[in-house]
């Protein structure tokens, strides 16, 4: 179960990163962002595309490496603390988001809790 969770997270981040990198128009259409602005595309490709690809690849590697497995779980926890924390700040300052964002927030909360529980249960590397 622990390894399956980390492999699933790796595929999730890798898949999302590839989707944003290869087709930002479809992957982020629900935001209603003007994707014709060069700076917007550059940021999306880097922060949502490239970074998620790198994280996904690391998580897939960590899932199969006993010495790095627990670190991979902590990374999933920390990423989702950041994502969800940022969205909660936006919720307080800007109001309730629409579209897929509330569902994404629920997913982030689930991943955060699961990663925390699994990381605490995982044996420390030797």
C-alpha atoms as a PDB file:
ATOM      1  CA  UNK A   1       0.000   0.000   0.000  1.00  0.00           C
ATOM      2  CA  UNK A   2       2.758   2.474   0.937  1.00  0.00           C
ATOM      3  CA  UNK A   3       4.708   1.947  -2.266  1.00  0.00           C
ATOM      4  CA  UNK A   4       1.531   1.933  -4.348  1.00  0.00           C
ATOM      5  CA  UNK A   5       0.579   5.320  -2.877  1.00  0.00           C
ATOM      6  CA  UNK A   6       3.952   6.812  -3.746  1.00  0.00           C
ATOM      7  CA  UNK A   7       3.910   5.307  -7.255  1.00  0.00           C
ATOM      8  CA  UNK A   8       0.398   6.723  -7.737  1.00  0.00           C
ATOM      9  CA  UNK A   9       1.544  10.169  -6.561  1.00  0.00           C
ATOM     10  CA  UNK A  10       4.531   9.963  -8.898  1.00  0.00           C
ATOM     11  CA  UNK A  11       2.262   9.171 -11.835  1.00  0.00           C
ATOM     12  CA  UNK A  12      -0.159  11.917 -10.793  1.00  0.00           C
ATOM     13  CA  UNK A  13       2.521  14.625 -10.705  1.00  0.00           C
ATOM     14  CA  UNK A  14       4.269  13.323 -13.825  1.00  0.00           C
ATOM     15  CA  UNK A  15       1.011  13.084 -15.764  1.00  0.00           C
ATOM     16  CA  UNK A  16      -0.181  16.524 -14.711  1.00  0.00           C
ATOM     17  CA  UNK A  17       3.188  18.067 -15.512  1.00  0.00           C
ATOM     18  CA  UNK A  18       3.269  16.489 -18.972  1.00  0.00           C
ATOM     19  CA  UNK A  19      -0.322  17.572 -19.630  1.00  0.00           C
ATOM     20  CA  UNK A  20       0.441  21.186 -18.718  1.00  0.00           C
ATOM     21  CA  UNK A  21       3.729  21.195 -20.605  1.00  0.00           C
ATOM     22  CA  UNK A  22       2.283  19.651 -23.773  1.00  0.00           C
ATOM     23  CA  UNK A  23      -1.214  21.137 -23.755  1.00  0.00           C
ATOM     24  CA  UNK A  24      -1.604  24.065 -21.362  1.00  0.00           C
ATOM     25  CA  UNK A  25      -4.685  25.272 -23.221  1.00  0.00           C
ATOM     26  CA  UNK A  26      -6.687  22.154 -22.325  1.00  0.00           C
ATOM     27  CA  UNK A  27      -5.141  21.404 -18.943  1.00  0.00           C
ATOM     28  CA  UNK A  28      -5.808  24.849 -17.497  1.00  0.00           C
ATOM     29  CA  UNK A  29      -8.828  25.969 -19.523  1.00  0.00           C
ATOM     30  CA  UNK A  30     -11.014  25.854 -16.400  1.00  0.00           C
ATOM     31  CA  UNK A  31      -9.059  28.795 -14.944  1.00  0.00           C
ATOM     32  CA  UNK A  32     -10.065  31.166 -17.705  1.00  0.00           C
ATOM     33  CA  UNK A  33      -6.505  32.491 -17.892  1.00  0.00           C
ATOM     34  CA  UNK A  34      -5.272  34.333 -20.960  1.00  0.00           C
ATOM     35  CA  UNK A  35      -2.724  31.813 -22.180  1.00  0.00           C
ATOM     36  CA  UNK A  36      -1.638  34.011 -25.073  1.00  0.00           C
ATOM     37  CA  UNK A  37       0.646  36.064 -22.814  1.00  0.00           C
ATOM     38  CA  UNK A  38       4.239  34.857 -23.110  1.00  0.00           C
ATOM     39  CA  UNK A  39       4.988  35.285 -19.402  1.00  0.00           C
ATOM     40  CA  UNK A  40       1.910  33.248 -18.471  1.00  0.00           C
ATOM     41  CA  UNK A  41       2.958  30.395 -20.752  1.00  0.00           C
ATOM     42  CA  UNK A  42       6.535  30.505 -19.500  1.00  0.00           C
ATOM     43  CA  UNK A  43       5.394  30.313 -15.890  1.00  0.00           C
ATOM     44  CA  UNK A  44       2.920  27.527 -16.608  1.00  0.00           C
ATOM     45  CA  UNK A  45       5.475  25.471 -18.483  1.00  0.00           C
ATOM     46  CA  UNK A  46       8.014  25.892 -15.698  1.00  0.00           C
ATOM     47  CA  UNK A  47       6.008  25.806 -12.478  1.00  0.00           C
ATOM     48  CA  UNK A  48       3.121  23.548 -13.433  1.00  0.00           C
ATOM     49  CA  UNK A  49       4.779  21.571 -16.209  1.00  0.00           C
ATOM     50  CA  UNK A  50       8.474  21.120 -15.594  1.00  0.00           C
ATOM     51  CA  UNK A  51       8.369  21.150 -11.813  1.00  0.00           C
ATOM     52  CA  UNK A  52       5.575  18.569 -11.625  1.00  0.00           C
ATOM     53  CA  UNK A  53       7.405  16.342 -14.105  1.00  0.00           C
ATOM     54  CA  UNK A  54      10.571  16.487 -11.978  1.00  0.00           C
ATOM     55  CA  UNK A  55       8.607  15.795  -8.787  1.00  0.00           C
ATOM     56  CA  UNK A  56       6.747  12.915 -10.438  1.00  0.00           C
ATOM     57  CA  UNK A  57       9.969  11.330 -11.653  1.00  0.00           C
ATOM     58  CA  UNK A  58      11.563  11.699  -8.217  1.00  0.00           C
ATOM     59  CA  UNK A  59       8.542  10.130  -6.516  1.00  0.00           C
ATOM     60  CA  UNK A  60       8.577   7.178  -8.912  1.00  0.00           C
ATOM     61  CA  UNK A  61      12.268   6.692  -8.184  1.00  0.00           C
ATOM     62  CA  UNK A  62      11.783   7.109  -4.406  1.00  0.00           C
ATOM     63  CA  UNK A  63       8.942   4.568  -4.404  1.00  0.00           C
ATOM     64  CA  UNK A  64      11.357   1.915  -5.622  1.00  0.00           C
ATOM     65  CA  UNK A  65      14.310   2.968  -3.470  1.00  0.00           C
ATOM     66  CA  UNK A  66      14.113   1.917   0.209  1.00  0.00           C
ATOM     67  CA  UNK A  67      16.610   4.596   1.267  1.00  0.00           C
ATOM     68  CA  UNK A  68      14.536   7.407  -0.268  1.00  0.00           C
ATOM     69  CA  UNK A  69      11.007   6.033   0.116  1.00  0.00           C
ATOM     70  CA  UNK A  70      10.200   7.889   3.338  1.00  0.00           C
ATOM     71  CA  UNK A  71      11.623  11.130   1.900  1.00  0.00           C
ATOM     72  CA  UNK A  72       9.278  10.736  -1.056  1.00  0.00           C
ATOM     73  CA  UNK A  73       6.306  10.514   1.296  1.00  0.00           C
ATOM     74  CA  UNK A  74       7.458  13.634   3.140  1.00  0.00           C
ATOM     75  CA  UNK A  75       7.781  15.434  -0.187  1.00  0.00           C
ATOM     76  CA  UNK A  76       4.155  14.576  -1.078  1.00  0.00           C
ATOM     77  CA  UNK A  77       3.122  15.872   2.346  1.00  0.00           C
ATOM     78  CA  UNK A  78       5.059  19.134   2.006  1.00  0.00           C
ATOM     79  CA  UNK A  79       3.940  19.808  -1.562  1.00  0.00           C
ATOM     80  CA  UNK A  80       0.323  19.451  -0.587  1.00  0.00           C
ATOM     81  CA  UNK A  81       0.764  21.568   2.546  1.00  0.00           C
ATOM     82  CA  UNK A  82       2.004  24.287   0.193  1.00  0.00           C
ATOM     83  CA  UNK A  83      -0.646  23.812  -2.477  1.00  0.00           C
ATOM     84  CA  UNK A  84      -3.547  23.581  -0.051  1.00  0.00           C
ATOM     85  CA  UNK A  85      -2.175  26.295   2.222  1.00  0.00           C
ATOM     86  CA  UNK A  86      -1.876  28.693  -0.700  1.00  0.00           C
ATOM     87  CA  UNK A  87      -5.386  27.890  -1.853  1.00  0.00           C
ATOM     88  CA  UNK A  88      -6.761  28.445   1.647  1.00  0.00           C
ATOM     89  CA  UNK A  89      -5.114  31.874   1.782  1.00  0.00           C
ATOM     90  CA  UNK A  90      -6.700  32.634  -1.605  1.00  0.00           C
ATOM     91  CA  UNK A  91     -10.044  31.357  -0.313  1.00  0.00           C
ATOM     92  CA  UNK A  92      -9.879  33.785   2.602  1.00  0.00           C
ATOM     93  CA  UNK A  93      -8.739  36.734   0.505  1.00  0.00           C
ATOM     94  CA  UNK A  94     -10.603  36.121  -2.765  1.00  0.00           C
ATOM     95  CA  UNK A  95     -13.596  33.964  -1.901  1.00  0.00           C
ATOM     96  CA  UNK A  96     -14.664  30.490  -2.964  1.00  0.00           C
ATOM     97  CA  UNK A  97     -13.126  29.298  -6.232  1.00  0.00           C
ATOM     98  CA  UNK A  98     -15.251  27.669  -8.893  1.00  0.00           C
ATOM     99  CA  UNK A  99     -14.880  24.858 -11.386  1.00  0.00           C
ATOM    100  CA  UNK A 100     -12.476  22.061 -10.501  1.00  0.00           C
ATOM    101  CA  UNK A 101     -10.555  24.000  -7.862  1.00  0.00           C
ATOM    102  CA  UNK A 102     -12.661  22.832  -4.859  1.00  0.00           C
ATOM    103  CA  UNK A 103     -12.240  19.201  -5.959  1.00  0.00           C
ATOM    104  CA  UNK A 104      -8.493  19.762  -6.349  1.00  0.00           C
ATOM    105  CA  UNK A 105      -8.429  21.169  -2.807  1.00  0.00           C
ATOM    106  CA  UNK A 106     -10.093  18.003  -1.502  1.00  0.00           C
ATOM    107  CA  UNK A 107      -7.555  15.874  -3.388  1.00  0.00           C
ATOM    108  CA  UNK A 108      -4.707  17.922  -1.901  1.00  0.00           C
ATOM    109  CA  UNK A 109      -6.116  17.463   1.610  1.00  0.00           C
ATOM    110  CA  UNK A 110      -6.438  13.684   1.097  1.00  0.00           C
ATOM    111  CA  UNK A 111      -2.901  13.395  -0.291  1.00  0.00           C
ATOM    112  CA  UNK A 112      -1.560  15.515   2.564  1.00  0.00           C
ATOM    113  CA  UNK A 113      -3.162  13.342   5.250  1.00  0.00           C
ATOM    114  CA  UNK A 114      -2.297  10.037   3.574  1.00  0.00           C
ATOM    115  CA  UNK A 115       1.328  11.037   3.030  1.00  0.00           C
ATOM    116  CA  UNK A 116       1.656  12.184   6.646  1.00  0.00           C
ATOM    117  CA  UNK A 117       0.217   8.937   8.028  1.00  0.00           C
ATOM    118  CA  UNK A 118       2.322   6.750   5.731  1.00  0.00           C
ATOM    119  CA  UNK A 119       5.518   8.746   6.374  1.00  0.00           C
ATOM    120  CA  UNK A 120       5.080   8.420  10.133  1.00  0.00           C
ATOM    121  CA  UNK A 121       4.589   4.647   9.768  1.00  0.00           C
ATOM    122  CA  UNK A 122       7.446   4.120   7.314  1.00  0.00           C
ATOM    123  CA  UNK A 123      10.681   2.800   8.785  1.00  0.00           C
ATOM    124  CA  UNK A 124      13.592   5.222   8.829  1.00  0.00           C
ATOM    125  CA  UNK A 125      16.351   4.356   6.359  1.00  0.00           C
ATOM    126  CA  UNK A 126      19.261   2.385   7.768  1.00  0.00           C
END
